[in-house]
Amino acid sequence: MSNTIELPTDIYELLRHRATQLQQSPEQLAVEALRRFLITEKSDWSLRLQQLLVEVYQRPGLPASEEIEADITAAAAETRELRRERRRTD
């Protein structure tokens, strides 16, 4: 579902300019900005986390989540092995 809002031309131009800088459509930026403004019951950290997640998912060239999970799993296994070795030598 979509609704239409009329904006003064100068406001729309500011919105369009900023959206171009952020490589977003004016509609995406407007929704994000309104959501941030209207959702006042969320805490600051929650809003910062939400924005961080949006920024991370919009970045091109990031490793796939499967790759990140595989790296985490490998690091955890390596840590467990190091702990086992340390216990054997102590």
C-alpha atoms as a PDB file:
ATOM      1  CA  MET A   1       0.000   0.000   0.000  1.00  0.00           C
ATOM      2  CA  SER A   2       1.276   3.428  -0.876  1.00  0.00           C
ATOM      3  CA  ASN A   3       0.095   6.931   0.009  1.00  0.00           C
ATOM      4  CA  THR A   4       1.068  10.296  -1.399  1.00  0.00           C
ATOM      5  CA  ILE A   5       2.201  13.383   0.512  1.00  0.00           C
ATOM      6  CA  GLU A   6       2.654  16.799  -1.065  1.00  0.00           C
ATOM      7  CA  LEU A   7       5.859  18.625  -0.193  1.00  0.00           C
ATOM      8  CA  PRO A   8       6.919  22.175  -0.945  1.00  0.00           C
ATOM      9  CA  THR A   9       9.347  22.211  -3.879  1.00  0.00           C
ATOM     10  CA  ASP A  10      12.259  23.502  -1.794  1.00  0.00           C
ATOM     11  CA  ILE A  11      11.836  20.702   0.753  1.00  0.00           C
ATOM     12  CA  TYR A  12      11.619  18.071  -1.984  1.00  0.00           C
ATOM     13  CA  GLU A  13      14.787  19.410  -3.613  1.00  0.00           C
ATOM     14  CA  LEU A  14      16.642  19.154  -0.289  1.00  0.00           C
ATOM     15  CA  LEU A  15      15.310  15.630   0.124  1.00  0.00           C
ATOM     16  CA  ARG A  16      16.292  14.661  -3.427  1.00  0.00           C
ATOM     17  CA  HIS A  17      19.775  16.146  -3.024  1.00  0.00           C
ATOM     18  CA  ARG A  18      20.431  14.321   0.261  1.00  0.00           C
ATOM     19  CA  ALA A  19      19.011  11.071  -1.111  1.00  0.00           C
ATOM     20  CA  THR A  20      21.382  11.311  -4.069  1.00  0.00           C
ATOM     21  CA  GLN A  21      24.315  11.768  -1.681  1.00  0.00           C
ATOM     22  CA  LEU A  22      23.230   8.650   0.226  1.00  0.00           C
ATOM     23  CA  GLN A  23      22.543   6.702  -2.977  1.00  0.00           C
ATOM     24  CA  GLN A  24      18.898   6.249  -2.055  1.00  0.00           C
ATOM     25  CA  SER A  25      15.648   7.268  -3.632  1.00  0.00           C
ATOM     26  CA  PRO A  26      13.901  10.306  -2.144  1.00  0.00           C
ATOM     27  CA  GLU A  27      11.071   7.979  -1.122  1.00  0.00           C
ATOM     28  CA  GLN A  28      13.416   5.662   0.802  1.00  0.00           C
ATOM     29  CA  LEU A  29      15.032   8.574   2.613  1.00  0.00           C
ATOM     30  CA  ALA A  30      11.675  10.167   3.439  1.00  0.00           C
ATOM     31  CA  VAL A  31      10.326   6.919   4.897  1.00  0.00           C
ATOM     32  CA  GLU A  32      13.485   6.405   6.944  1.00  0.00           C
ATOM     33  CA  ALA A  33      13.472   9.993   8.226  1.00  0.00           C
ATOM     34  CA  LEU A  34       9.777   9.914   9.120  1.00  0.00           C
ATOM     35  CA  ARG A  35      10.126   6.542  10.805  1.00  0.00           C
ATOM     36  CA  ARG A  36      12.964   7.881  12.956  1.00  0.00           C
ATOM     37  CA  PHE A  37      11.000  11.001  13.849  1.00  0.00           C
ATOM     38  CA  LEU A  38       7.705   9.276  14.577  1.00  0.00           C
ATOM     39  CA  ILE A  39       8.947   6.295  16.559  1.00  0.00           C
ATOM     40  CA  THR A  40       9.730   8.163  19.747  1.00  0.00           C
ATOM     41  CA  GLU A  41       9.161   5.292  22.163  1.00  0.00           C
ATOM     42  CA  LYS A  42      12.278   3.468  20.971  1.00  0.00           C
ATOM     43  CA  SER A  43      15.441   4.128  22.892  1.00  0.00           C
ATOM     44  CA  ASP A  44      18.412   5.912  21.324  1.00  0.00           C
ATOM     45  CA  TRP A  45      20.525   2.760  21.171  1.00  0.00           C
ATOM     46  CA  SER A  46      17.767   0.901  19.369  1.00  0.00           C
ATOM     47  CA  LEU A  47      17.514   3.615  16.726  1.00  0.00           C
ATOM     48  CA  ARG A  48      21.301   3.709  16.316  1.00  0.00           C
ATOM     49  CA  LEU A  49      21.366  -0.064  15.927  1.00  0.00           C
ATOM     50  CA  GLN A  50      18.584   0.060  13.353  1.00  0.00           C
ATOM     51  CA  GLN A  51      20.452   2.718  11.354  1.00  0.00           C
ATOM     52  CA  LEU A  52      23.689   0.754  11.559  1.00  0.00           C
ATOM     53  CA  LEU A  53      21.961  -2.342  10.224  1.00  0.00           C
ATOM     54  CA  VAL A  54      20.439  -0.358   7.367  1.00  0.00           C
ATOM     55  CA  GLU A  55      23.862   1.057   6.486  1.00  0.00           C
ATOM     56  CA  VAL A  56      25.572  -2.327   6.678  1.00  0.00           C
ATOM     57  CA  TYR A  57      23.018  -4.031   4.435  1.00  0.00           C
ATOM     58  CA  GLN A  58      23.233  -1.214   1.872  1.00  0.00           C
ATOM     59  CA  ARG A  59      27.012  -1.482   1.465  1.00  0.00           C
ATOM     60  CA  PRO A  60      28.077  -3.244  -1.698  1.00  0.00           C
ATOM     61  CA  GLY A  61      30.790  -5.860  -1.563  1.00  0.00           C
ATOM     62  CA  LEU A  62      30.320  -7.015   2.007  1.00  0.00           C
ATOM     63  CA  PRO A  63      30.856 -10.715   2.685  1.00  0.00           C
ATOM     64  CA  ALA A  64      27.752 -12.864   2.679  1.00  0.00           C
ATOM     65  CA  SER A  65      26.288 -13.724   6.062  1.00  0.00           C
ATOM     66  CA  GLU A  66      27.242 -17.371   5.441  1.00  0.00           C
ATOM     67  CA  GLU A  67      30.901 -16.340   5.121  1.00  0.00           C
ATOM     68  CA  ILE A  68      30.732 -14.302   8.326  1.00  0.00           C
ATOM     69  CA  GLU A  69      29.093 -17.192  10.195  1.00  0.00           C
ATOM     70  CA  ALA A  70      31.743 -19.610   8.872  1.00  0.00           C
ATOM     71  CA  ASP A  71      34.507 -17.266  10.083  1.00  0.00           C
ATOM     72  CA  ILE A  72      32.899 -17.005  13.510  1.00  0.00           C
ATOM     73  CA  THR A  73      32.523 -20.789  13.729  1.00  0.00           C
ATOM     74  CA  ALA A  74      36.167 -21.303  12.713  1.00  0.00           C
ATOM     75  CA  ALA A  75      37.374 -18.714  15.233  1.00  0.00           C
ATOM     76  CA  ALA A  76      35.342 -20.340  18.012  1.00  0.00           C
ATOM     77  CA  ALA A  77      36.750 -23.782  17.157  1.00  0.00           C
ATOM     78  CA  GLU A  78      40.280 -22.369  17.129  1.00  0.00           C
ATOM     79  CA  THR A  79      39.729 -20.751  20.522  1.00  0.00           C
ATOM     80  CA  ARG A  80      38.383 -23.999  21.997  1.00  0.00           C
ATOM     81  CA  GLU A  81      41.415 -25.895  20.671  1.00  0.00           C
ATOM     82  CA  LEU A  82      43.827 -23.327  22.116  1.00  0.00           C
ATOM     83  CA  ARG A  83      42.115 -23.623  25.505  1.00  0.00           C
ATOM     84  CA  ARG A  84      42.350 -27.429  25.383  1.00  0.00           C
ATOM     85  CA  GLU A  85      46.056 -27.221  24.571  1.00  0.00           C
ATOM     86  CA  ARG A  86      46.627 -24.744  27.375  1.00  0.00           C
ATOM     87  CA  ARG A  87      44.864 -27.034  29.870  1.00  0.00           C
ATOM     88  CA  ARG A  88      47.005 -29.993  28.764  1.00  0.00           C
ATOM     89  CA  THR A  89      50.229 -28.062  29.292  1.00  0.00           C
ATOM     90  CA  ASP A  90      49.232 -26.583  32.683  1.00  0.00           C
END
